[in-house]
Amino acid sequence: WHRSLKSHKASKKGLSVLNDNDKELAELRGLAAGVGLANACYAVQTVPTQEEIENLPAFPREKLSLRLLLGSGAFGEVYEGTAIDILGVGSGEIKVAVK
């Protein structure tokens, strides 16, 4: 076991990585032709009315703290954070994901 581990570590010393040109993720996955109006994520929709915007639930920013960027992509960034009383008054602090 020890010899196997030692030889495995030694073989990594000369490890080379070939960097190819950057490619779009859709190309790498073979989905380049499938992205567009046929994809529900990119579907064209009407702009929401002012009334629809006003009816969206809101959470006070001062009760939310962002801690760590979890990831990002074509549709924005997602952070780990904590929210105070998001489940109701007195519910306390809870871990949340925020887009």
N, C-alpha and C. Protein backbone atom coordinates (compact mmCIF):
# COMPACT_ATOMS: atom_id res chain seq x y z
N TRP A 1 0.82 -1.19 0.00
CA TRP A 1 0.00 0.00 0.00
C TRP A 1 0.87 1.25 0.00
N HIS A 2 1.89 1.28 0.87
CA HIS A 2 2.77 2.45 0.96
C HIS A 2 3.51 2.68 -0.36
N ARG A 3 4.03 1.60 -0.96
CA ARG A 3 4.74 1.74 -2.23
C ARG A 3 3.81 2.24 -3.33
N SER A 4 2.59 1.74 -3.32
CA SER A 4 1.62 2.15 -4.33
C SER A 4 1.31 3.64 -4.20
N LEU A 5 1.12 4.10 -2.98
CA LEU A 5 0.84 5.51 -2.74
C LEU A 5 2.03 6.37 -3.13
N LYS A 6 3.22 5.93 -2.77
CA LYS A 6 4.44 6.67 -3.08
C LYS A 6 4.63 6.80 -4.60
N SER A 7 4.43 5.72 -5.34
CA SER A 7 4.60 5.78 -6.79
C SER A 7 3.50 6.62 -7.44
N HIS A 8 2.31 6.62 -6.85
CA HIS A 8 1.21 7.44 -7.38
C HIS A 8 1.53 8.93 -7.22
N LYS A 9 2.10 9.30 -6.05
CA LYS A 9 2.49 10.69 -5.82
C LYS A 9 3.61 11.10 -6.76
N ALA A 10 4.56 10.22 -6.96
CA ALA A 10 5.70 10.52 -7.83
C ALA A 10 5.25 10.73 -9.26
N SER A 11 4.25 10.00 -9.70
CA SER A 11 3.80 10.13 -11.09
C SER A 11 3.11 11.46 -11.35
N LYS A 12 2.62 12.14 -10.31
CA LYS A 12 1.95 13.43 -10.49
C LYS A 12 2.94 14.58 -10.70
N LYS A 13 4.21 14.37 -10.35
CA LYS A 13 5.19 15.45 -10.48
C LYS A 13 5.32 15.92 -11.92
N GLY A 14 5.28 15.03 -12.87
CA GLY A 14 5.43 15.39 -14.26
C GLY A 14 4.10 15.57 -14.99
N LEU A 15 3.03 15.73 -14.24
CA LEU A 15 1.70 15.85 -14.83
C LEU A 15 1.59 17.13 -15.63
N SER A 16 1.17 17.04 -16.88
CA SER A 16 0.95 18.24 -17.67
C SER A 16 -0.51 18.34 -18.06
N VAL A 17 -0.98 19.56 -18.10
CA VAL A 17 -2.37 19.82 -18.46
C VAL A 17 -2.38 20.60 -19.76
N LEU A 18 -3.13 20.12 -20.72
CA LEU A 18 -3.25 20.82 -22.00
C LEU A 18 -4.44 21.75 -21.95
N ASN A 19 -4.19 23.01 -22.21
CA ASN A 19 -5.28 23.97 -22.23
C ASN A 19 -5.70 24.21 -23.67
N ASP A 20 -6.96 23.93 -23.94
CA ASP A 20 -7.50 24.15 -25.27
C ASP A 20 -8.22 25.49 -25.27
N ASN A 21 -8.63 25.94 -26.42
CA ASN A 21 -9.40 27.18 -26.48
C ASN A 21 -10.67 27.06 -25.66
N ASP A 22 -11.10 28.19 -25.09
CA ASP A 22 -12.35 28.20 -24.34
C ASP A 22 -13.51 27.87 -25.26
N LYS A 23 -14.46 27.12 -24.74
CA LYS A 23 -15.65 26.77 -25.51
C LYS A 23 -16.87 27.06 -24.66
N GLU A 24 -17.94 27.38 -25.31
CA GLU A 24 -19.19 27.59 -24.61
C GLU A 24 -19.66 26.26 -24.05
N LEU A 25 -20.27 26.29 -22.86
CA LEU A 25 -20.77 25.08 -22.22
C LEU A 25 -21.79 24.37 -23.10
N ALA A 26 -22.64 25.13 -23.77
CA ALA A 26 -23.65 24.52 -24.64
C ALA A 26 -22.99 23.72 -25.76
N GLU A 27 -21.87 24.23 -26.30
CA GLU A 27 -21.15 23.50 -27.35
C GLU A 27 -20.57 22.21 -26.80
N LEU A 28 -19.98 22.29 -25.62
CA LEU A 28 -19.36 21.11 -25.03
C LEU A 28 -20.38 20.01 -24.79
N ARG A 29 -21.56 20.38 -24.43
CA ARG A 29 -22.60 19.40 -24.17
C ARG A 29 -23.38 19.03 -25.42
N GLY A 30 -23.06 19.64 -26.54
CA GLY A 30 -23.76 19.33 -27.78
C GLY A 30 -25.16 19.91 -27.84
N LEU A 31 -25.38 20.99 -27.09
CA LEU A 31 -26.71 21.56 -27.02
C LEU A 31 -26.83 22.88 -27.77
N ALA A 32 -25.81 23.28 -28.47
CA ALA A 32 -25.81 24.59 -29.10
C ALA A 32 -27.04 24.81 -29.98
N ALA A 33 -27.47 23.79 -30.69
CA ALA A 33 -28.63 23.94 -31.58
C ALA A 33 -29.93 23.97 -30.80
N GLY A 34 -29.95 23.41 -29.59
CA GLY A 34 -31.19 23.31 -28.82
C GLY A 34 -31.51 24.54 -28.00
N VAL A 35 -30.59 25.48 -27.90
CA VAL A 35 -30.83 26.68 -27.10
C VAL A 35 -31.52 27.72 -27.98
N GLY A 36 -32.53 28.31 -27.46
CA GLY A 36 -33.27 29.32 -28.21
C GLY A 36 -34.72 29.28 -27.82
N LEU A 37 -35.60 29.59 -28.75
CA LEU A 37 -37.02 29.66 -28.43
C LEU A 37 -37.60 28.31 -28.04
N ALA A 38 -36.97 27.22 -28.47
CA ALA A 38 -37.46 25.89 -28.09
C ALA A 38 -37.18 25.58 -26.62
N ASN A 39 -36.26 26.31 -26.01
CA ASN A 39 -35.91 26.12 -24.60
C ASN A 39 -36.80 27.01 -23.75
N ALA A 40 -37.55 26.42 -22.82
CA ALA A 40 -38.50 27.18 -22.00
C ALA A 40 -37.81 28.27 -21.19
N CYS A 41 -36.56 28.08 -20.84
CA CYS A 41 -35.84 29.09 -20.05
C CYS A 41 -35.63 30.38 -20.85
N TYR A 42 -35.61 30.28 -22.15
CA TYR A 42 -35.38 31.44 -22.99
C TYR A 42 -36.66 31.92 -23.68
N ALA A 43 -37.80 31.38 -23.29
CA ALA A 43 -39.06 31.72 -23.96
C ALA A 43 -39.37 33.21 -23.77
N VAL A 44 -39.90 33.81 -24.80
CA VAL A 44 -40.27 35.22 -24.76
C VAL A 44 -41.60 35.34 -24.02
N GLN A 45 -41.64 36.23 -23.03
CA GLN A 45 -42.86 36.46 -22.28
C GLN A 45 -43.16 37.94 -22.27
N THR A 46 -44.38 38.26 -21.88
CA THR A 46 -44.74 39.67 -21.77
C THR A 46 -44.13 40.26 -20.51
N VAL A 47 -43.90 41.54 -20.53
CA VAL A 47 -43.36 42.25 -19.38
C VAL A 47 -44.45 42.33 -18.31
N PRO A 48 -44.13 42.06 -17.04
CA PRO A 48 -45.16 42.12 -16.00
C PRO A 48 -45.70 43.54 -15.82
N THR A 49 -46.96 43.62 -15.47
CA THR A 49 -47.58 44.93 -15.23
C THR A 49 -47.11 45.47 -13.88
N GLN A 50 -47.33 46.76 -13.66
CA GLN A 50 -46.96 47.38 -12.38
C GLN A 50 -47.73 46.71 -11.24
N GLU A 51 -48.99 46.36 -11.48
CA GLU A 51 -49.80 45.70 -10.45
C GLU A 51 -49.21 44.33 -10.08
N GLU A 52 -48.76 43.57 -11.08
CA GLU A 52 -48.14 42.27 -10.81
C GLU A 52 -46.84 42.43 -10.01
N ILE A 53 -46.08 43.45 -10.34
CA ILE A 53 -44.83 43.71 -9.62
C ILE A 53 -45.13 44.08 -8.16
N GLU A 54 -46.13 44.92 -7.95
CA GLU A 54 -46.48 45.35 -6.60
C GLU A 54 -47.03 44.20 -5.75
N ASN A 55 -47.61 43.18 -6.39
CA ASN A 55 -48.18 42.04 -5.66
C ASN A 55 -47.14 40.98 -5.29
N LEU A 56 -45.91 41.15 -5.76
CA LEU A 56 -44.85 40.20 -5.40
C LEU A 56 -44.52 40.35 -3.92
N PRO A 57 -44.29 39.23 -3.21
CA PRO A 57 -43.92 39.35 -1.79
C PRO A 57 -42.54 40.00 -1.66
N ALA A 58 -42.37 40.78 -0.61
CA ALA A 58 -41.09 41.46 -0.37
C ALA A 58 -40.56 41.06 1.00
N PHE A 59 -39.23 41.03 1.13
CA PHE A 59 -38.59 40.74 2.41
C PHE A 59 -37.62 41.87 2.69
N PRO A 60 -37.66 42.44 3.89
CA PRO A 60 -36.80 43.59 4.20
C PRO A 60 -35.31 43.24 4.11
N ARG A 61 -34.57 44.03 3.36
CA ARG A 61 -33.14 43.79 3.14
C ARG A 61 -32.35 43.81 4.44
N GLU A 62 -32.77 44.62 5.40
CA GLU A 62 -32.02 44.71 6.67
C GLU A 62 -32.12 43.43 7.51
N LYS A 63 -33.05 42.53 7.17
CA LYS A 63 -33.18 41.26 7.88
C LYS A 63 -32.50 40.11 7.12
N LEU A 64 -31.75 40.47 6.08
CA LEU A 64 -31.09 39.48 5.23
C LEU A 64 -29.60 39.77 5.18
N SER A 65 -28.77 38.76 5.40
CA SER A 65 -27.33 38.95 5.23
C SER A 65 -26.79 37.87 4.30
N LEU A 66 -26.00 38.31 3.33
CA LEU A 66 -25.39 37.40 2.36
C LEU A 66 -24.00 37.04 2.84
N ARG A 67 -23.65 35.75 2.76
CA ARG A 67 -22.38 35.30 3.32
C ARG A 67 -21.41 34.77 2.26
N LEU A 68 -21.90 33.96 1.33
CA LEU A 68 -21.00 33.23 0.45
C LEU A 68 -21.63 33.07 -0.93
N LEU A 69 -20.86 33.35 -1.97
CA LEU A 69 -21.33 33.10 -3.34
C LEU A 69 -21.29 31.60 -3.60
N LEU A 70 -22.46 31.02 -3.86
CA LEU A 70 -22.54 29.58 -4.11
C LEU A 70 -22.29 29.24 -5.57
N GLY A 71 -22.72 30.12 -6.47
CA GLY A 71 -22.53 29.85 -7.89
C GLY A 71 -23.12 30.96 -8.74
N SER A 72 -22.77 30.94 -10.02
CA SER A 72 -23.32 31.93 -10.94
C SER A 72 -23.45 31.30 -12.31
N GLY A 73 -24.32 31.89 -13.11
CA GLY A 73 -24.54 31.36 -14.45
C GLY A 73 -25.29 32.36 -15.29
N ALA A 74 -25.91 31.87 -16.34
CA ALA A 74 -26.60 32.72 -17.29
C ALA A 74 -27.77 33.47 -16.67
N PHE A 75 -28.31 32.94 -15.58
CA PHE A 75 -29.49 33.55 -14.99
C PHE A 75 -29.20 34.27 -13.68
N GLY A 76 -27.95 34.53 -13.37
CA GLY A 76 -27.61 35.31 -12.19
C GLY A 76 -26.71 34.57 -11.22
N GLU A 77 -26.62 35.13 -10.01
CA GLU A 77 -25.77 34.58 -8.96
C GLU A 77 -26.63 34.07 -7.82
N VAL A 78 -26.14 33.05 -7.12
CA VAL A 78 -26.84 32.51 -5.95
C VAL A 78 -25.89 32.58 -4.76
N TYR A 79 -26.38 33.17 -3.68
CA TYR A 79 -25.61 33.34 -2.46
C TYR A 79 -26.21 32.54 -1.32
N GLU A 80 -25.36 32.09 -0.40
CA GLU A 80 -25.82 31.54 0.87
C GLU A 80 -25.94 32.73 1.82
N GLY A 81 -27.00 32.73 2.61
CA GLY A 81 -27.17 33.81 3.56
C GLY A 81 -28.03 33.39 4.72
N THR A 82 -28.37 34.36 5.55
CA THR A 82 -29.29 34.10 6.66
C THR A 82 -30.38 35.16 6.62
N ALA A 83 -31.57 34.74 6.99
CA ALA A 83 -32.72 35.64 7.04
C ALA A 83 -33.32 35.56 8.44
N ILE A 84 -33.69 36.71 8.98
CA ILE A 84 -34.29 36.78 10.31
C ILE A 84 -35.80 36.90 10.15
N ASP A 85 -36.53 36.01 10.81
CA ASP A 85 -38.00 36.01 10.84
C ASP A 85 -38.65 35.86 9.47
N ILE A 86 -38.00 35.15 8.56
CA ILE A 86 -38.58 34.97 7.22
C ILE A 86 -39.81 34.06 7.26
N LEU A 87 -39.88 33.19 8.27
CA LEU A 87 -41.03 32.28 8.40
C LEU A 87 -42.13 32.86 9.28
N GLY A 88 -41.93 34.07 9.75
CA GLY A 88 -42.92 34.73 10.60
C GLY A 88 -42.23 35.39 11.78
N VAL A 89 -42.93 36.31 12.42
CA VAL A 89 -42.38 37.05 13.56
C VAL A 89 -41.98 36.07 14.65
N GLY A 90 -40.76 36.21 15.14
CA GLY A 90 -40.26 35.35 16.20
C GLY A 90 -39.70 34.02 15.75
N SER A 91 -39.66 33.76 14.43
CA SER A 91 -39.15 32.46 13.95
C SER A 91 -37.63 32.38 14.00
N GLY A 92 -36.97 33.53 14.15
CA GLY A 92 -35.52 33.54 14.31
C GLY A 92 -34.76 33.50 13.00
N GLU A 93 -33.48 33.14 13.13
CA GLU A 93 -32.57 33.15 11.98
C GLU A 93 -32.58 31.78 11.29
N ILE A 94 -32.59 31.81 9.96
CA ILE A 94 -32.59 30.57 9.18
C ILE A 94 -31.67 30.74 7.97
N LYS A 95 -30.99 29.66 7.58
CA LYS A 95 -30.10 29.69 6.42
C LYS A 95 -30.96 29.68 5.15
N VAL A 96 -30.60 30.54 4.18
CA VAL A 96 -31.35 30.65 2.93
C VAL A 96 -30.39 30.73 1.75
N ALA A 97 -30.92 30.46 0.57
CA ALA A 97 -30.21 30.71 -0.69
C ALA A 97 -30.90 31.89 -1.35
N VAL A 98 -30.11 32.83 -1.84
CA VAL A 98 -30.65 34.06 -2.41
C VAL A 98 -30.14 34.23 -3.83
N LYS A 99 -31.07 34.43 -4.76
CA LYS A 99 -30.69 34.67 -6.15
C LYS A 99 -30.81 36.14 -6.43
